[in-house]
PDB file of N, CA and C in Angstrom:
ATOM      1  N   MET A   1       0.850  -1.166   0.000  1.00  0.00           N
ATOM      2  CA  MET A   1       0.000   0.000   0.000  1.00  0.00           C
ATOM      3  C   MET A   1       0.899   1.233   0.000  1.00  0.00           C
ATOM      4  N   LYS A   2       0.619   2.156  -0.881  1.00  0.00           N
ATOM      5  CA  LYS A   2       1.421   3.377  -0.984  1.00  0.00           C
ATOM      6  C   LYS A   2       1.152   4.294   0.214  1.00  0.00           C
ATOM      7  N   ILE A   3       2.223   4.853   0.749  1.00  0.00           N
ATOM      8  CA  ILE A   3       2.079   5.822   1.840  1.00  0.00           C
ATOM      9  C   ILE A   3       1.331   7.031   1.280  1.00  0.00           C
ATOM     10  N   PRO A   4       0.247   7.428   1.944  1.00  0.00           N
ATOM     11  CA  PRO A   4      -0.537   8.564   1.430  1.00  0.00           C
ATOM     12  C   PRO A   4       0.187   9.890   1.645  1.00  0.00           C
ATOM     13  N   ASP A   5      -0.198  10.883   0.855  1.00  0.00           N
ATOM     14  CA  ASP A   5       0.353  12.233   1.006  1.00  0.00           C
ATOM     15  C   ASP A   5      -0.210  12.938   2.232  1.00  0.00           C
ATOM     16  N   LYS A   6      -1.398  12.491   2.663  1.00  0.00           N
ATOM     17  CA  LYS A   6      -2.073  13.082   3.822  1.00  0.00           C
ATOM     18  C   LYS A   6      -2.823  11.988   4.566  1.00  0.00           C
ATOM     19  N   ILE A   7      -2.935  12.155   5.885  1.00  0.00           N
ATOM     20  CA  ILE A   7      -3.763  11.273   6.695  1.00  0.00           C
ATOM     21  C   ILE A   7      -4.563  12.134   7.665  1.00  0.00           C
ATOM     22  N   LEU A   8      -5.663  11.601   8.140  1.00  0.00           N
ATOM     23  CA  LEU A   8      -6.466  12.274   9.164  1.00  0.00           C
ATOM     24  C   LEU A   8      -6.283  11.555  10.488  1.00  0.00           C
ATOM     25  N   VAL A   9      -6.000  12.320  11.529  1.00  0.00           N
ATOM     26  CA  VAL A   9      -5.917  11.783  12.884  1.00  0.00           C
ATOM     27  C   VAL A   9      -6.756  12.696  13.758  1.00  0.00           C
ATOM     28  N   GLY A  10      -7.850  12.174  14.258  1.00  0.00           N
ATOM     29  CA  GLY A  10      -8.713  12.974  15.121  1.00  0.00           C
ATOM     30  C   GLY A  10      -9.270  14.206  14.443  1.00  0.00           C
ATOM     31  N   GLY A  11      -9.506  14.121  13.149  1.00  0.00           N
ATOM     32  CA  GLY A  11     -10.033  15.256  12.412  1.00  0.00           C
ATOM     33  C   GLY A  11      -8.974  16.249  11.969  1.00  0.00           C
ATOM     34  N   HIS A  12      -7.728  15.981  12.283  1.00  0.00           N
ATOM     35  CA  HIS A  12      -6.619  16.847  11.880  1.00  0.00           C
ATOM     36  C   HIS A  12      -5.938  16.237  10.657  1.00  0.00           C
ATOM     37  N   THR A  13      -5.678  17.054   9.663  1.00  0.00           N
ATOM     38  CA  THR A  13      -4.994  16.590   8.462  1.00  0.00           C
ATOM     39  C   THR A  13      -3.494  16.720   8.652  1.00  0.00           C
ATOM     40  N   TYR A  14      -2.802  15.600   8.520  1.00  0.00           N
ATOM     41  CA  TYR A  14      -1.344  15.570   8.603  1.00  0.00           C
ATOM     42  C   TYR A  14      -0.778  15.384   7.204  1.00  0.00           C
ATOM     43  N   GLU A  15       0.149  16.230   6.818  1.00  0.00           N
ATOM     44  CA  GLU A  15       0.878  16.048   5.572  1.00  0.00           C
ATOM     45  C   GLU A  15       1.943  14.982   5.812  1.00  0.00           C
ATOM     46  N   VAL A  16       2.113  14.076   4.850  1.00  0.00           N
ATOM     47  CA  VAL A  16       3.138  13.042   4.953  1.00  0.00           C
ATOM     48  C   VAL A  16       4.146  13.275   3.835  1.00  0.00           C
ATOM     49  N   VAL A  17       5.404  13.475   4.218  1.00  0.00           N
ATOM     50  CA  VAL A  17       6.465  13.765   3.259  1.00  0.00           C
ATOM     51  C   VAL A  17       7.518  12.667   3.340  1.00  0.00           C
ATOM     52  N   VAL A  18       7.802  12.047   2.197  1.00  0.00           N
ATOM     53  CA  VAL A  18       8.865  11.053   2.121  1.00  0.00           C
ATOM     54  C   VAL A  18      10.008  11.677   1.343  1.00  0.00           C
ATOM     55  N   GLY A  19      11.185  11.778   1.971  1.00  0.00           N
ATOM     56  CA  GLY A  19      12.319  12.286   1.223  1.00  0.00           C
ATOM     57  C   GLY A  19      13.122  13.396   1.866  1.00  0.00           C
ATOM     58  N   ASN A  20      12.822  13.783   3.089  1.00  0.00           N
ATOM     59  CA  ASN A  20      13.642  14.796   3.764  1.00  0.00           C
ATOM     60  C   ASN A  20      14.871  14.106   4.364  1.00  0.00           C
ATOM     61  N   ASP A  21      15.647  13.436   3.498  1.00  0.00           N
ATOM     62  CA  ASP A  21      16.732  12.592   3.972  1.00  0.00           C
ATOM     63  C   ASP A  21      17.824  13.366   4.705  1.00  0.00           C
ATOM     64  N   ARG A  22      18.266  14.470   4.143  1.00  0.00           N
ATOM     65  CA  ARG A  22      19.370  15.221   4.762  1.00  0.00           C
ATOM     66  C   ARG A  22      18.975  15.798   6.116  1.00  0.00           C
ATOM     67  N   GLY A  23      17.796  16.390   6.177  1.00  0.00           N
ATOM     68  CA  GLY A  23      17.347  16.988   7.437  1.00  0.00           C
ATOM     69  C   GLY A  23      17.194  15.970   8.543  1.00  0.00           C
ATOM     70  N   LEU A  24      16.595  14.834   8.220  1.00  0.00           N
ATOM     71  CA  LEU A  24      16.391  13.793   9.227  1.00  0.00           C
ATOM     72  C   LEU A  24      17.703  13.090   9.563  1.00  0.00           C
ATOM     73  N   GLU A  25      18.524  12.842   8.538  1.00  0.00           N
ATOM     74  CA  GLU A  25      19.801  12.158   8.761  1.00  0.00           C
ATOM     75  C   GLU A  25      20.709  12.979   9.676  1.00  0.00           C
ATOM     76  N   SER A  26      20.701  14.289   9.491  1.00  0.00           N
ATOM     77  CA  SER A  26      21.558  15.138  10.323  1.00  0.00           C
ATOM     78  C   SER A  26      21.158  15.071  11.793  1.00  0.00           C
ATOM     79  N   GLU A  27      19.901  14.705  12.058  1.00  0.00           N
ATOM     80  CA  GLU A  27      19.431  14.556  13.438  1.00  0.00           C
ATOM     81  C   GLU A  27      19.445  13.103  13.890  1.00  0.00           C
ATOM     82  N   GLY A  28      19.903  12.207  13.014  1.00  0.00           N
ATOM     83  CA  GLY A  28      19.962  10.788  13.356  1.00  0.00           C
ATOM     84  C   GLY A  28      18.596  10.126  13.423  1.00  0.00           C
ATOM     85  N   LEU A  29      17.654  10.615  12.615  1.00  0.00           N
ATOM     86  CA  LEU A  29      16.280  10.111  12.649  1.00  0.00           C
ATOM     87  C   LEU A  29      15.894   9.407  11.346  1.00  0.00           C
ATOM     88  N   ARG A  30      15.008   8.427  11.453  1.00  0.00           N
ATOM     89  CA  ARG A  30      14.406   7.798  10.279  1.00  0.00           C
ATOM     90  C   ARG A  30      13.137   8.548   9.875  1.00  0.00           C
ATOM     91  N   GLY A  31      12.474   9.144  10.868  1.00  0.00           N
ATOM     92  CA  GLY A  31      11.242   9.878  10.624  1.00  0.00           C
ATOM     93  C   GLY A  31      10.985  10.859  11.748  1.00  0.00           C
ATOM     94  N   SER A  32       9.989  11.716  11.536  1.00  0.00           N
ATOM     95  CA  SER A  32       9.618  12.665  12.592  1.00  0.00           C
ATOM     96  C   SER A  32       8.138  13.002  12.477  1.00  0.00           C
ATOM     97  N   HIS A  33       7.616  13.457  13.605  1.00  0.00           N
ATOM     98  CA  HIS A  33       6.216  13.864  13.695  1.00  0.00           C
ATOM     99  C   HIS A  33       6.173  15.242  14.342  1.00  0.00           C
ATOM    100  N   SER A  34       5.391  16.141  13.770  1.00  0.00           N
ATOM    101  CA  SER A  34       5.178  17.446  14.383  1.00  0.00           C
ATOM    102  C   SER A  34       3.681  17.676  14.503  1.00  0.00           C
ATOM    103  N   GLY A  35       3.193  17.670  15.729  1.00  0.00           N
ATOM    104  CA  GLY A  35       1.788  17.973  15.956  1.00  0.00           C
ATOM    105  C   GLY A  35       1.474  19.421  15.667  1.00  0.00           C
ATOM    106  N   PHE A  36       2.438  20.301  15.931  1.00  0.00           N
ATOM    107  CA  PHE A  36       2.248  21.725  15.675  1.00  0.00           C
ATOM    108  C   PHE A  36       2.098  21.988  14.181  1.00  0.00           C
ATOM    109  N   LEU A  37       2.979  21.395  13.376  1.00  0.00           N
ATOM    110  CA  LEU A  37       2.925  21.580  11.920  1.00  0.00           C
ATOM    111  C   LEU A  37       1.963  20.608  11.241  1.00  0.00           C
ATOM    112  N   ARG A  38       1.463  19.625  11.996  1.00  0.00           N
ATOM    113  CA  ARG A  38       0.612  18.559  11.436  1.00  0.00           C
ATOM    114  C   ARG A  38       1.341  17.914  10.250  1.00  0.00           C
ATOM    115  N   LYS A  39       2.545  17.412  10.555  1.00  0.00           N
ATOM    116  CA  LYS A  39       3.390  16.878   9.494  1.00  0.00           C
ATOM    117  C   LYS A  39       4.159  15.653   9.974  1.00  0.00           C
ATOM    118  N   ILE A  40       4.234  14.661   9.102  1.00  0.00           N
ATOM    119  CA  ILE A  40       5.054  13.475   9.320  1.00  0.00           C
ATOM    120  C   ILE A  40       6.079  13.445   8.193  1.00  0.00           C
ATOM    121  N   GLU A  41       7.352  13.308   8.559  1.00  0.00           N
ATOM    122  CA  GLU A  41       8.418  13.231   7.565  1.00  0.00           C
ATOM    123  C   GLU A  41       9.112  11.880   7.686  1.00  0.00           C
ATOM    124  N   LEU A  42       9.455  11.303   6.546  1.00  0.00           N
ATOM    125  CA  LEU A  42      10.106   9.991   6.508  1.00  0.00           C
ATOM    126  C   LEU A  42      11.283  10.028   5.552  1.00  0.00           C
ATOM    127  N   ARG A  43      12.385   9.402   5.950  1.00  0.00           N
ATOM    128  CA  ARG A  43      13.529   9.287   5.042  1.00  0.00           C
ATOM    129  C   ARG A  43      13.194   8.281   3.949  1.00  0.00           C
ATOM    130  N   SER A  44      13.615   8.563   2.747  1.00  0.00           N
ATOM    131  CA  SER A  44      13.315   7.674   1.615  1.00  0.00           C
ATOM    132  C   SER A  44      14.377   6.598   1.424  1.00  0.00           C
ATOM    133  N   GLU A  45      15.523   6.722   2.074  1.00  0.00           N
ATOM    134  CA  GLU A  45      16.635   5.824   1.839  1.00  0.00           C
ATOM    135  C   GLU A  45      16.569   4.539   2.660  1.00  0.00           C
ATOM    136  N   MET A  46      15.408   4.165   3.119  1.00  0.00           N
ATOM    137  CA  MET A  46      15.243   2.946   3.910  1.00  0.00           C
ATOM    138  C   MET A  46      14.681   1.833   3.037  1.00  0.00           C
ATOM    139  N   SER A  47      14.823   0.607   3.522  1.00  0.00           N
ATOM    140  CA  SER A  47      14.158  -0.511   2.858  1.00  0.00           C
ATOM    141  C   SER A  47      12.650  -0.319   3.007  1.00  0.00           C
ATOM    142  N   ASP A  48      11.879  -0.986   2.152  1.00  0.00           N
ATOM    143  CA  ASP A  48      10.421  -0.877   2.249  1.00  0.00           C
ATOM    144  C   ASP A  48       9.930  -1.322   3.620  1.00  0.00           C
ATOM    145  N   GLU A  49      10.519  -2.365   4.160  1.00  0.00           N
ATOM    146  CA  GLU A  49      10.117  -2.869   5.472  1.00  0.00           C
ATOM    147  C   GLU A  49      10.368  -1.832   6.567  1.00  0.00           C
ATOM    148  N   GLU A  50      11.544  -1.216   6.545  1.00  0.00           N
ATOM    149  CA  GLU A  50      11.886  -0.201   7.543  1.00  0.00           C
ATOM    150  C   GLU A  50      11.035   1.055   7.366  1.00  0.00           C
ATOM    151  N   LEU A  51      10.774   1.438   6.118  1.00  0.00           N
ATOM    152  CA  LEU A  51       9.927   2.596   5.848  1.00  0.00           C
ATOM    153  C   LEU A  51       8.519   2.367   6.392  1.00  0.00           C
ATOM    154  N   SER A  52       7.988   1.176   6.184  1.00  0.00           N
ATOM    155  CA  SER A  52       6.649   0.846   6.661  1.00  0.00           C
ATOM    156  C   SER A  52       6.573   0.934   8.184  1.00  0.00           C
ATOM    157  N   CYS A  53       7.553   0.367   8.853  1.00  0.00           N
ATOM    158  CA  CYS A  53       7.576   0.398  10.313  1.00  0.00           C
ATOM    159  C   CYS A  53       7.721   1.831  10.828  1.00  0.00           C
ATOM    160  N   THR A  54       8.535   2.621  10.171  1.00  0.00           N
ATOM    161  CA  THR A  54       8.740   4.016  10.577  1.00  0.00           C
ATOM    162  C   THR A  54       7.467   4.834  10.372  1.00  0.00           C
ATOM    163  N   PHE A  55       6.765   4.606   9.274  1.00  0.00           N
ATOM    164  CA  PHE A  55       5.496   5.299   9.042  1.00  0.00           C
ATOM    165  C   PHE A  55       4.505   4.969  10.163  1.00  0.00           C
ATOM    166  N   ILE A  56       4.379   3.694  10.502  1.00  0.00           N
ATOM    167  CA  ILE A  56       3.483   3.289  11.586  1.00  0.00           C
ATOM    168  C   ILE A  56       3.901   3.976  12.889  1.00  0.00           C
ATOM    169  N   HIS A  57       5.188   4.012  13.162  1.00  0.00           N
ATOM    170  CA  HIS A  57       5.724   4.647  14.373  1.00  0.00           C
ATOM    171  C   HIS A  57       5.316   6.126  14.449  1.00  0.00           C
ATOM    172  N   GLU A  58       5.496   6.843  13.353  1.00  0.00           N
ATOM    173  CA  GLU A  58       5.175   8.277  13.358  1.00  0.00           C
ATOM    174  C   GLU A  58       3.668   8.525  13.437  1.00  0.00           C
ATOM    175  N   VAL A  59       2.873   7.669  12.815  1.00  0.00           N
ATOM    176  CA  VAL A  59       1.413   7.773  12.936  1.00  0.00           C
ATOM    177  C   VAL A  59       0.996   7.551  14.383  1.00  0.00           C
ATOM    178  N   LEU A  60       1.630   6.605  15.059  1.00  0.00           N
ATOM    179  CA  LEU A  60       1.323   6.377  16.473  1.00  0.00           C
ATOM    180  C   LEU A  60       1.675   7.593  17.327  1.00  0.00           C
ATOM    181  N   HIS A  61       2.730   8.313  16.986  1.00  0.00           N
ATOM    182  CA  HIS A  61       3.033   9.561  17.697  1.00  0.00           C
ATOM    183  C   HIS A  61       1.877  10.554  17.526  1.00  0.00           C
ATOM    184  N   ALA A  62       1.344  10.659  16.315  1.00  0.00           N
ATOM    185  CA  ALA A  62       0.216  11.565  16.076  1.00  0.00           C
ATOM    186  C   ALA A  62      -1.006  11.127  16.883  1.00  0.00           C
ATOM    187  N   ILE A  63      -1.302   9.842  16.875  1.00  0.00           N
ATOM    188  CA  ILE A  63      -2.436   9.307  17.642  1.00  0.00           C
ATOM    189  C   ILE A  63      -2.225   9.562  19.129  1.00  0.00           C
ATOM    190  N   ASN A  64      -1.019   9.324  19.610  1.00  0.00           N
ATOM    191  CA  ASN A  64      -0.679   9.556  21.010  1.00  0.00           C
ATOM    192  C   ASN A  64      -0.927  11.015  21.401  1.00  0.00           C
ATOM    193  N   GLU A  65      -0.520  11.936  20.554  1.00  0.00           N
ATOM    194  CA  GLU A  65      -0.690  13.354  20.860  1.00  0.00           C
ATOM    195  C   GLU A  65      -2.156  13.781  20.816  1.00  0.00           C
ATOM    196  N   VAL A  66      -2.864  13.362  19.769  1.00  0.00           N
ATOM    197  CA  VAL A  66      -4.243  13.809  19.579  1.00  0.00           C
ATOM    198  C   VAL A  66      -5.209  13.162  20.571  1.00  0.00           C
ATOM    199  N   TYR A  67      -5.063  11.863  20.785  1.00  0.00           N
ATOM    200  CA  TYR A  67      -6.061  11.145  21.571  1.00  0.00           C
ATOM    201  C   TYR A  67      -5.721  10.957  23.047  1.00  0.00           C
ATOM    202  N   ILE A  68      -4.448  10.859  23.380  1.00  0.00           N
ATOM    203  CA  ILE A  68      -4.131  10.583  24.787  1.00  0.00           C
ATOM    204  C   ILE A  68      -3.088  11.554  25.365  1.00  0.00           C
ATOM    205  N   ASN A  69      -3.055  12.745  24.809  1.00  0.00           N
ATOM    206  CA  ASN A  69      -2.264  13.841  25.378  1.00  0.00           C
ATOM    207  C   ASN A  69      -0.792  13.474  25.593  1.00  0.00           C
ATOM    208  N   SER A  70      -0.236  12.707  24.659  1.00  0.00           N
ATOM    209  CA  SER A  70       1.191  12.350  24.659  1.00  0.00           C
ATOM    210  C   SER A  70       1.647  11.624  25.916  1.00  0.00           C
ATOM    211  N   VAL A  71       0.801  10.750  26.457  1.00  0.00           N
ATOM    212  CA  VAL A  71       1.196  10.039  27.678  1.00  0.00           C
ATOM    213  C   VAL A  71       2.168   8.886  27.411  1.00  0.00           C
ATOM    214  N   LEU A  72       2.192   8.374  26.184  1.00  0.00           N
ATOM    215  CA  LEU A  72       3.122   7.295  25.876  1.00  0.00           C
ATOM    216  C   LEU A  72       4.533   7.843  25.694  1.00  0.00           C
ATOM    217  N   ILE A  73       5.500   7.137  26.238  1.00  0.00           N
ATOM    218  CA  ILE A  73       6.895   7.536  26.054  1.00  0.00           C
ATOM    219  C   ILE A  73       7.430   6.851  24.787  1.00  0.00           C
ATOM    220  N   GLU A  74       8.592   7.298  24.325  1.00  0.00           N
ATOM    221  CA  GLU A  74       9.166   6.811  23.066  1.00  0.00           C
ATOM    222  C   GLU A  74       9.280   5.292  23.026  1.00  0.00           C
ATOM    223  N   ARG A  75       9.718   4.700  24.114  1.00  0.00           N
ATOM    224  CA  ARG A  75       9.862   3.243  24.175  1.00  0.00           C
ATOM    225  C   ARG A  75       8.518   2.542  23.959  1.00  0.00           C
ATOM    226  N   GLU A  76       7.448   3.093  24.502  1.00  0.00           N
ATOM    227  CA  GLU A  76       6.119   2.502  24.340  1.00  0.00           C
ATOM    228  C   GLU A  76       5.618   2.662  22.904  1.00  0.00           C
ATOM    229  N   VAL A  77       5.818   3.844  22.316  1.00  0.00           N
ATOM    230  CA  VAL A  77       5.440   4.058  20.916  1.00  0.00           C
ATOM    231  C   VAL A  77       6.217   3.093  20.031  1.00  0.00           C
ATOM    232  N   ASP A  78       7.503   2.929  20.299  1.00  0.00           N
ATOM    233  CA  ASP A  78       8.343   2.033  19.509  1.00  0.00           C
ATOM    234  C   ASP A  78       7.858   0.581  19.617  1.00  0.00           C
ATOM    235  N   GLY A  79       7.531   0.142  20.816  1.00  0.00           N
ATOM    236  CA  GLY A  79       7.029  -1.211  21.006  1.00  0.00           C
ATOM    237  C   GLY A  79       5.717  -1.445  20.282  1.00  0.00           C
ATOM    238  N   LEU A  80       4.799  -0.504  20.396  1.00  0.00           N
ATOM    239  CA  LEU A  80       3.522  -0.620  19.687  1.00  0.00           C
ATOM    240  C   LEU A  80       3.714  -0.617  18.175  1.00  0.00           C
ATOM    241  N   ALA A  81       4.593   0.253  17.683  1.00  0.00           N
ATOM    242  CA  ALA A  81       4.849   0.324  16.240  1.00  0.00           C
ATOM    243  C   ALA A  81       5.402  -0.993  15.730  1.00  0.00           C
ATOM    244  N   ASN A  82       6.356  -1.566  16.448  1.00  0.00           N
ATOM    245  CA  ASN A  82       6.922  -2.844  16.023  1.00  0.00           C
ATOM    246  C   ASN A  82       5.880  -3.958  16.056  1.00  0.00           C
ATOM    247  N   GLY A  83       5.025  -3.943  17.072  1.00  0.00           N
ATOM    248  CA  GLY A  83       3.958  -4.936  17.158  1.00  0.00           C
ATOM    249  C   GLY A  83       2.951  -4.810  16.029  1.00  0.00           C
ATOM    250  N   PHE A  84       2.490  -3.593  15.779  1.00  0.00           N
ATOM    251  CA  PHE A  84       1.548  -3.366  14.672  1.00  0.00           C
ATOM    252  C   PHE A  84       2.195  -3.727  13.339  1.00  0.00           C
ATOM    253  N   HIS A  85       3.452  -3.352  13.176  1.00  0.00           N
ATOM    254  CA  HIS A  85       4.165  -3.654  11.933  1.00  0.00           C
ATOM    255  C   HIS A  85       4.218  -5.163  11.700  1.00  0.00           C
ATOM    256  N   GLN A  86       4.530  -5.926  12.727  1.00  0.00           N
ATOM    257  CA  GLN A  86       4.614  -7.380  12.593  1.00  0.00           C
ATOM    258  C   GLN A  86       3.262  -7.967  12.180  1.00  0.00           C
ATOM    259  N   VAL A  87       2.196  -7.531  12.826  1.00  0.00           N
ATOM    260  CA  VAL A  87       0.863  -8.040  12.493  1.00  0.00           C
ATOM    261  C   VAL A  87       0.478  -7.665  11.062  1.00  0.00           C
ATOM    262  N   LEU A  88       0.697  -6.413  10.688  1.00  0.00           N
ATOM    263  CA  LEU A  88       0.347  -5.972   9.335  1.00  0.00           C
ATOM    264  C   LEU A  88       1.170  -6.708   8.277  1.00  0.00           C
ATOM    265  N   GLU A  89       2.454  -6.934   8.540  1.00  0.00           N
ATOM    266  CA  GLU A  89       3.290  -7.690   7.594  1.00  0.00           C
ATOM    267  C   GLU A  89       2.732  -9.101   7.402  1.00  0.00           C
ATOM    268  N   GLN A  90       2.306  -9.731   8.484  1.00  0.00           N
ATOM    269  CA  GLN A  90       1.736 -11.087   8.401  1.00  0.00           C
ATOM    270  C   GLN A  90       0.463 -11.093   7.566  1.00  0.00           C
ATOM    271  N   LEU A  91      -0.250  -9.977   7.577  1.00  0.00           N
ATOM    272  CA  LEU A  91      -1.490  -9.863   6.802  1.00  0.00           C
ATOM    273  C   LEU A  91      -1.236  -9.381   5.376  1.00  0.00           C
ATOM    274  N   GLY A  92       0.029  -9.171   5.047  1.00  0.00           N
ATOM    275  CA  GLY A  92       0.373  -8.728   3.701  1.00  0.00           C
ATOM    276  C   GLY A  92       0.228  -7.238   3.471  1.00  0.00           C
ATOM    277  N   VAL A  93       0.218  -6.457   4.550  1.00  0.00           N
ATOM    278  CA  VAL A  93       0.081  -4.999   4.433  1.00  0.00           C
ATOM    279  C   VAL A  93       1.437  -4.371   4.721  1.00  0.00           C
ATOM    280  N   ARG A  94       1.958  -3.670   3.744  1.00  0.00           N
ATOM    281  CA  ARG A  94       3.224  -2.942   3.910  1.00  0.00           C
ATOM    282  C   ARG A  94       3.053  -1.576   3.246  1.00  0.00           C
ATOM    283  N   PHE A  95       3.497  -0.536   3.951  1.00  0.00           N
ATOM    284  CA  PHE A  95       3.433   0.821   3.409  1.00  0.00           C
ATOM    285  C   PHE A  95       4.731   1.086   2.653  1.00  0.00           C
ATOM    286  N   THR A  96       4.607   1.544   1.402  1.00  0.00           N
ATOM    287  CA  THR A  96       5.765   1.762   0.543  1.00  0.00           C
ATOM    288  C   THR A  96       5.730   3.157  -0.068  1.00  0.00           C
ATOM    289  N   LYS A  97       6.841   3.539  -0.716  1.00  0.00           N
ATOM    290  CA  LYS A  97       6.950   4.845  -1.372  1.00  0.00           C
ATOM    291  C   LYS A  97       5.992   4.943  -2.535  1.00  0.00           C
TER     292      LYS A  97
END
């Protein structure tokens, strides 16, 4: 499944950008989420599997912020993202460029 250009989380439209490689790489990140800018950025230089997991991870950050006031810490978001990614992969769902 192609990563969409936009997603809705709690009625908020988030722009999804794949390809801010230099900006994210300089910060040592695969992806980022900004609730203020309503934007998710993903590096394009990853494998499809890693890109899919990173997209799920950043979407969970948006869900965490919108629905539960950012109570989940990074380790919890990471664990949930990896779990969701594993289940979706088993079902044949992978997010790609």
